N, C-alpha and C. Protein backbone atom coordinates (compact mmCIF):
# COMPACT_ATOMS: atom_id res chain seq x y z
N ARG A 1 0.85 -1.17 0.00
CA ARG A 1 0.00 0.00 0.00
C ARG A 1 0.89 1.23 0.00
N VAL A 2 0.58 2.18 -0.83
CA VAL A 2 1.38 3.39 -0.98
C VAL A 2 0.50 4.60 -0.74
N SER A 3 1.00 5.57 0.03
CA SER A 3 0.25 6.82 0.20
C SER A 3 1.12 7.97 -0.27
N HIS A 4 0.48 8.97 -0.83
CA HIS A 4 1.17 10.14 -1.38
C HIS A 4 1.52 11.09 -0.24
N ARG A 5 2.74 11.60 -0.23
CA ARG A 5 3.21 12.42 0.88
C ARG A 5 2.44 13.72 1.04
N ARG A 6 1.91 14.27 -0.02
CA ARG A 6 1.17 15.52 0.07
C ARG A 6 -0.33 15.31 0.24
N SER A 7 -0.79 14.12 -0.03
CA SER A 7 -2.20 13.82 0.07
C SER A 7 -2.37 12.39 0.59
N PRO A 8 -2.24 12.20 1.91
CA PRO A 8 -2.27 10.85 2.47
C PRO A 8 -3.52 10.06 2.12
N SER A 9 -4.61 10.73 1.83
CA SER A 9 -5.83 10.01 1.48
C SER A 9 -5.74 9.41 0.08
N ARG A 10 -4.78 9.86 -0.70
CA ARG A 10 -4.57 9.36 -2.06
C ARG A 10 -3.63 8.16 -1.98
N CYS A 11 -4.21 6.99 -1.90
CA CYS A 11 -3.37 5.80 -1.75
C CYS A 11 -3.96 4.65 -2.56
N GLY A 12 -3.15 3.62 -2.69
CA GLY A 12 -3.62 2.48 -3.46
C GLY A 12 -2.73 1.28 -3.24
N THR A 13 -3.11 0.19 -3.84
CA THR A 13 -2.33 -1.03 -3.80
C THR A 13 -1.85 -1.32 -5.21
N TYR A 14 -0.57 -1.61 -5.35
CA TYR A 14 0.05 -1.83 -6.65
C TYR A 14 0.66 -3.22 -6.64
N ALA A 15 0.13 -4.10 -7.45
CA ALA A 15 0.56 -5.50 -7.42
C ALA A 15 1.09 -5.94 -8.78
N ALA A 16 2.36 -6.32 -8.83
CA ALA A 16 2.95 -6.89 -10.04
C ALA A 16 4.12 -7.80 -9.68
N HIS A 17 4.64 -7.68 -8.47
CA HIS A 17 5.79 -8.48 -8.07
C HIS A 17 5.36 -9.87 -7.62
N THR A 18 6.27 -10.82 -7.78
CA THR A 18 6.02 -12.18 -7.31
C THR A 18 6.93 -12.52 -6.14
N GLY A 19 7.73 -11.57 -5.70
CA GLY A 19 8.63 -11.75 -4.57
C GLY A 19 8.54 -10.58 -3.62
N PHE A 20 9.21 -10.71 -2.48
CA PHE A 20 9.24 -9.68 -1.46
C PHE A 20 9.75 -8.35 -2.06
N VAL A 21 9.07 -7.25 -1.75
CA VAL A 21 9.49 -5.93 -2.23
C VAL A 21 10.48 -5.35 -1.21
N HIS A 22 11.71 -5.09 -1.67
CA HIS A 22 12.75 -4.56 -0.80
C HIS A 22 12.80 -3.04 -0.76
N SER A 23 12.38 -2.39 -1.84
CA SER A 23 12.56 -0.94 -1.92
C SER A 23 11.44 -0.28 -2.71
N VAL A 24 10.96 0.85 -2.19
CA VAL A 24 10.00 1.70 -2.90
C VAL A 24 10.56 3.12 -2.81
N THR A 25 10.67 3.79 -3.95
CA THR A 25 11.27 5.12 -3.99
C THR A 25 10.44 6.07 -4.84
N TRP A 26 10.08 7.22 -4.26
CA TRP A 26 9.39 8.27 -5.02
C TRP A 26 10.38 8.95 -5.94
N ASN A 27 9.89 9.40 -7.09
CA ASN A 27 10.71 10.24 -7.97
C ASN A 27 10.77 11.62 -7.33
N ALA A 28 11.90 11.97 -6.77
CA ALA A 28 12.05 13.25 -6.07
C ALA A 28 13.03 14.17 -6.78
N ILE A 29 13.20 13.98 -8.08
CA ILE A 29 14.13 14.82 -8.84
C ILE A 29 13.45 16.14 -9.18
N PRO A 30 13.97 17.27 -8.67
CA PRO A 30 13.36 18.57 -8.95
C PRO A 30 13.28 18.83 -10.45
N GLY A 31 12.16 19.36 -10.87
CA GLY A 31 11.99 19.74 -12.27
C GLY A 31 11.46 18.65 -13.17
N GLU A 32 11.45 17.41 -12.72
CA GLU A 32 10.90 16.34 -13.56
C GLU A 32 9.38 16.42 -13.52
N GLN A 33 8.78 16.36 -14.68
CA GLN A 33 7.34 16.56 -14.84
C GLN A 33 6.51 15.61 -13.96
N SER A 34 6.94 14.39 -13.81
CA SER A 34 6.16 13.38 -13.11
C SER A 34 6.59 13.18 -11.66
N LYS A 35 7.33 14.13 -11.11
CA LYS A 35 7.94 13.89 -9.81
C LYS A 35 6.95 13.65 -8.68
N ASP A 36 5.73 14.15 -8.78
CA ASP A 36 4.77 13.96 -7.70
C ASP A 36 3.87 12.75 -7.88
N THR A 37 4.00 12.04 -8.98
CA THR A 37 3.09 10.91 -9.21
C THR A 37 3.79 9.59 -9.49
N MET A 38 5.09 9.60 -9.73
CA MET A 38 5.78 8.35 -10.09
C MET A 38 6.65 7.81 -8.96
N PHE A 39 6.67 6.48 -8.87
CA PHE A 39 7.55 5.82 -7.92
C PHE A 39 8.01 4.50 -8.51
N THR A 40 9.03 3.91 -7.88
CA THR A 40 9.55 2.61 -8.32
C THR A 40 9.41 1.61 -7.19
N SER A 41 9.37 0.35 -7.57
CA SER A 41 9.43 -0.73 -6.59
C SER A 41 10.45 -1.75 -7.10
N ALA A 42 11.26 -2.26 -6.18
CA ALA A 42 12.31 -3.23 -6.51
C ALA A 42 12.11 -4.45 -5.64
N SER A 43 12.31 -5.63 -6.23
CA SER A 43 11.88 -6.83 -5.54
C SER A 43 12.86 -8.00 -5.62
N GLU A 44 12.59 -8.96 -4.76
CA GLU A 44 13.31 -10.23 -4.73
C GLU A 44 13.12 -11.00 -6.04
N ASP A 45 12.05 -10.69 -6.79
CA ASP A 45 11.79 -11.38 -8.06
C ASP A 45 12.66 -10.86 -9.21
N CYS A 46 13.65 -10.01 -8.88
CA CYS A 46 14.62 -9.44 -9.85
C CYS A 46 14.01 -8.37 -10.74
N ASN A 47 12.82 -7.92 -10.45
CA ASN A 47 12.15 -6.92 -11.28
C ASN A 47 12.11 -5.56 -10.61
N LEU A 48 12.23 -4.55 -11.45
CA LEU A 48 12.04 -3.16 -11.06
C LEU A 48 10.82 -2.68 -11.84
N HIS A 49 9.85 -2.10 -11.13
CA HIS A 49 8.66 -1.56 -11.79
C HIS A 49 8.58 -0.06 -11.53
N VAL A 50 8.16 0.67 -12.55
CA VAL A 50 7.91 2.10 -12.43
C VAL A 50 6.41 2.29 -12.50
N TRP A 51 5.88 3.02 -11.54
CA TRP A 51 4.44 3.19 -11.40
C TRP A 51 4.05 4.66 -11.43
N ASP A 52 2.82 4.92 -11.81
CA ASP A 52 2.20 6.23 -11.64
C ASP A 52 1.04 5.99 -10.70
N ILE A 53 0.93 6.78 -9.62
CA ILE A 53 -0.11 6.54 -8.63
C ILE A 53 -1.51 6.71 -9.21
N ARG A 54 -1.61 7.31 -10.39
CA ARG A 54 -2.93 7.50 -11.00
C ARG A 54 -3.40 6.28 -11.78
N GLY A 55 -2.54 5.26 -11.93
CA GLY A 55 -2.90 4.06 -12.68
C GLY A 55 -2.58 2.81 -11.88
N GLY A 56 -3.07 1.68 -12.33
CA GLY A 56 -2.88 0.45 -11.58
C GLY A 56 -1.81 -0.48 -12.10
N ALA A 57 -1.37 -0.31 -13.33
CA ALA A 57 -0.38 -1.21 -13.92
C ALA A 57 0.97 -0.49 -14.03
N PRO A 58 2.07 -1.23 -14.00
CA PRO A 58 3.38 -0.59 -14.14
C PRO A 58 3.51 0.12 -15.49
N LEU A 59 4.14 1.29 -15.48
CA LEU A 59 4.43 2.03 -16.71
C LEU A 59 5.62 1.42 -17.43
N ALA A 60 6.54 0.87 -16.66
CA ALA A 60 7.73 0.22 -17.22
C ALA A 60 8.18 -0.86 -16.25
N SER A 61 8.79 -1.89 -16.79
CA SER A 61 9.35 -2.98 -15.98
C SER A 61 10.72 -3.32 -16.54
N VAL A 62 11.66 -3.55 -15.63
CA VAL A 62 13.03 -3.85 -16.03
C VAL A 62 13.49 -5.09 -15.26
N ASN A 63 14.10 -6.01 -15.97
CA ASN A 63 14.67 -7.20 -15.34
C ASN A 63 16.08 -7.35 -15.89
N GLN A 64 17.07 -6.83 -15.16
CA GLN A 64 18.45 -6.91 -15.63
C GLN A 64 19.40 -7.46 -14.58
N HIS A 65 18.87 -7.97 -13.47
CA HIS A 65 19.69 -8.57 -12.43
C HIS A 65 19.45 -10.07 -12.36
N ALA A 66 20.46 -10.81 -11.89
CA ALA A 66 20.36 -12.26 -11.76
C ALA A 66 19.84 -12.69 -10.39
N ASP A 67 19.70 -11.73 -9.46
CA ASP A 67 19.20 -12.03 -8.12
C ASP A 67 18.40 -10.83 -7.64
N GLY A 68 17.76 -10.97 -6.50
CA GLY A 68 16.85 -9.94 -6.00
C GLY A 68 17.46 -8.55 -5.93
N ILE A 69 16.65 -7.55 -6.29
CA ILE A 69 17.07 -6.15 -6.23
C ILE A 69 16.79 -5.63 -4.82
N LEU A 70 17.82 -5.06 -4.20
CA LEU A 70 17.71 -4.59 -2.83
C LEU A 70 17.40 -3.11 -2.72
N CYS A 71 17.85 -2.31 -3.69
CA CYS A 71 17.64 -0.87 -3.60
C CYS A 71 17.56 -0.25 -5.00
N VAL A 72 16.90 0.89 -5.06
CA VAL A 72 16.77 1.63 -6.31
C VAL A 72 16.80 3.12 -5.99
N GLU A 73 17.39 3.90 -6.90
CA GLU A 73 17.47 5.35 -6.70
C GLU A 73 17.26 6.06 -8.03
N TRP A 74 16.44 7.12 -8.02
CA TRP A 74 16.24 7.96 -9.21
C TRP A 74 17.48 8.83 -9.38
N MET A 75 18.02 8.92 -10.61
CA MET A 75 19.19 9.74 -10.88
C MET A 75 18.86 10.96 -11.73
N GLY A 76 17.68 11.01 -12.30
CA GLY A 76 17.28 12.12 -13.15
C GLY A 76 17.24 11.72 -14.61
N ASP A 77 16.42 12.41 -15.38
CA ASP A 77 16.27 12.18 -16.82
C ASP A 77 15.95 10.73 -17.16
N GLY A 78 15.17 10.08 -16.31
CA GLY A 78 14.73 8.72 -16.59
C GLY A 78 15.70 7.63 -16.19
N VAL A 79 16.84 7.98 -15.60
CA VAL A 79 17.85 6.98 -15.24
C VAL A 79 17.64 6.54 -13.79
N LEU A 80 17.65 5.21 -13.61
CA LEU A 80 17.54 4.61 -12.28
C LEU A 80 18.77 3.76 -12.02
N MET A 81 19.24 3.77 -10.79
CA MET A 81 20.35 2.92 -10.36
C MET A 81 19.78 1.86 -9.43
N THR A 82 20.24 0.61 -9.60
CA THR A 82 19.78 -0.48 -8.75
C THR A 82 20.96 -1.24 -8.18
N GLY A 83 20.76 -1.77 -6.98
CA GLY A 83 21.75 -2.63 -6.35
C GLY A 83 21.10 -3.96 -6.04
N SER A 84 21.82 -5.05 -6.26
CA SER A 84 21.22 -6.37 -6.18
C SER A 84 22.06 -7.35 -5.36
N LYS A 85 21.43 -8.45 -4.98
CA LYS A 85 22.12 -9.54 -4.31
C LYS A 85 23.07 -10.27 -5.25
N ASP A 86 23.05 -9.94 -6.54
CA ASP A 86 24.00 -10.53 -7.48
C ASP A 86 25.34 -9.78 -7.46
N ASN A 87 25.50 -8.89 -6.47
CA ASN A 87 26.73 -8.12 -6.25
C ASN A 87 27.02 -7.11 -7.36
N GLN A 88 25.97 -6.64 -8.02
CA GLN A 88 26.16 -5.67 -9.09
C GLN A 88 25.28 -4.44 -8.87
N VAL A 89 25.79 -3.31 -9.31
CA VAL A 89 25.04 -2.07 -9.38
C VAL A 89 24.83 -1.79 -10.86
N LYS A 90 23.60 -1.54 -11.24
CA LYS A 90 23.30 -1.30 -12.66
C LYS A 90 22.47 -0.05 -12.80
N SER A 91 22.55 0.53 -13.99
CA SER A 91 21.72 1.69 -14.31
C SER A 91 20.86 1.36 -15.52
N CYS A 92 19.70 1.98 -15.56
CA CYS A 92 18.76 1.74 -16.65
C CYS A 92 18.02 3.03 -16.95
N ASN A 93 17.82 3.30 -18.22
CA ASN A 93 17.03 4.45 -18.62
C ASN A 93 15.61 3.96 -18.89
N ILE A 94 14.67 4.35 -18.03
CA ILE A 94 13.30 3.86 -18.18
C ILE A 94 12.58 4.49 -19.36
N LYS A 95 13.12 5.59 -19.87
CA LYS A 95 12.51 6.18 -21.07
C LYS A 95 12.73 5.29 -22.30
N SER A 96 13.88 4.62 -22.33
CA SER A 96 14.18 3.73 -23.44
C SER A 96 14.11 2.27 -23.03
N ASN A 97 13.90 2.02 -21.71
CA ASN A 97 13.84 0.66 -21.15
C ASN A 97 15.09 -0.14 -21.50
N ALA A 98 16.25 0.54 -21.43
CA ALA A 98 17.51 -0.12 -21.80
C ALA A 98 18.59 0.23 -20.78
N PRO A 99 19.57 -0.66 -20.61
CA PRO A 99 20.70 -0.34 -19.71
C PRO A 99 21.44 0.88 -20.25
N THR A 100 22.02 1.66 -19.32
CA THR A 100 22.81 2.81 -19.75
C THR A 100 24.26 2.38 -19.85
N ALA A 101 25.03 3.14 -20.58
CA ALA A 101 26.45 2.83 -20.77
C ALA A 101 27.21 2.96 -19.46
N ALA A 102 28.16 2.10 -19.25
CA ALA A 102 28.95 2.11 -18.02
C ALA A 102 30.01 3.18 -18.09
């Protein structure tokens, strides 16, 4: 269950993971158009989902780790960084749904 920081009554349940969810992060990048409505969830099922609180299905899904994702952070301009139990840190551009260059 997720509640919006500015409007606690605005909440919902977002279901797409098949494993324990380790991390949920709001898009808090100043100036990004969707900063007040988008968040990510990272899970033991190796998936990262990007959500908009106004909808029920993930806007984007990324599976680029071999083991559960423990943390995720917004970097700006659609780039997310993830850390996993596979001992790797990876970046992905959710606008193109592709890994970013190292």
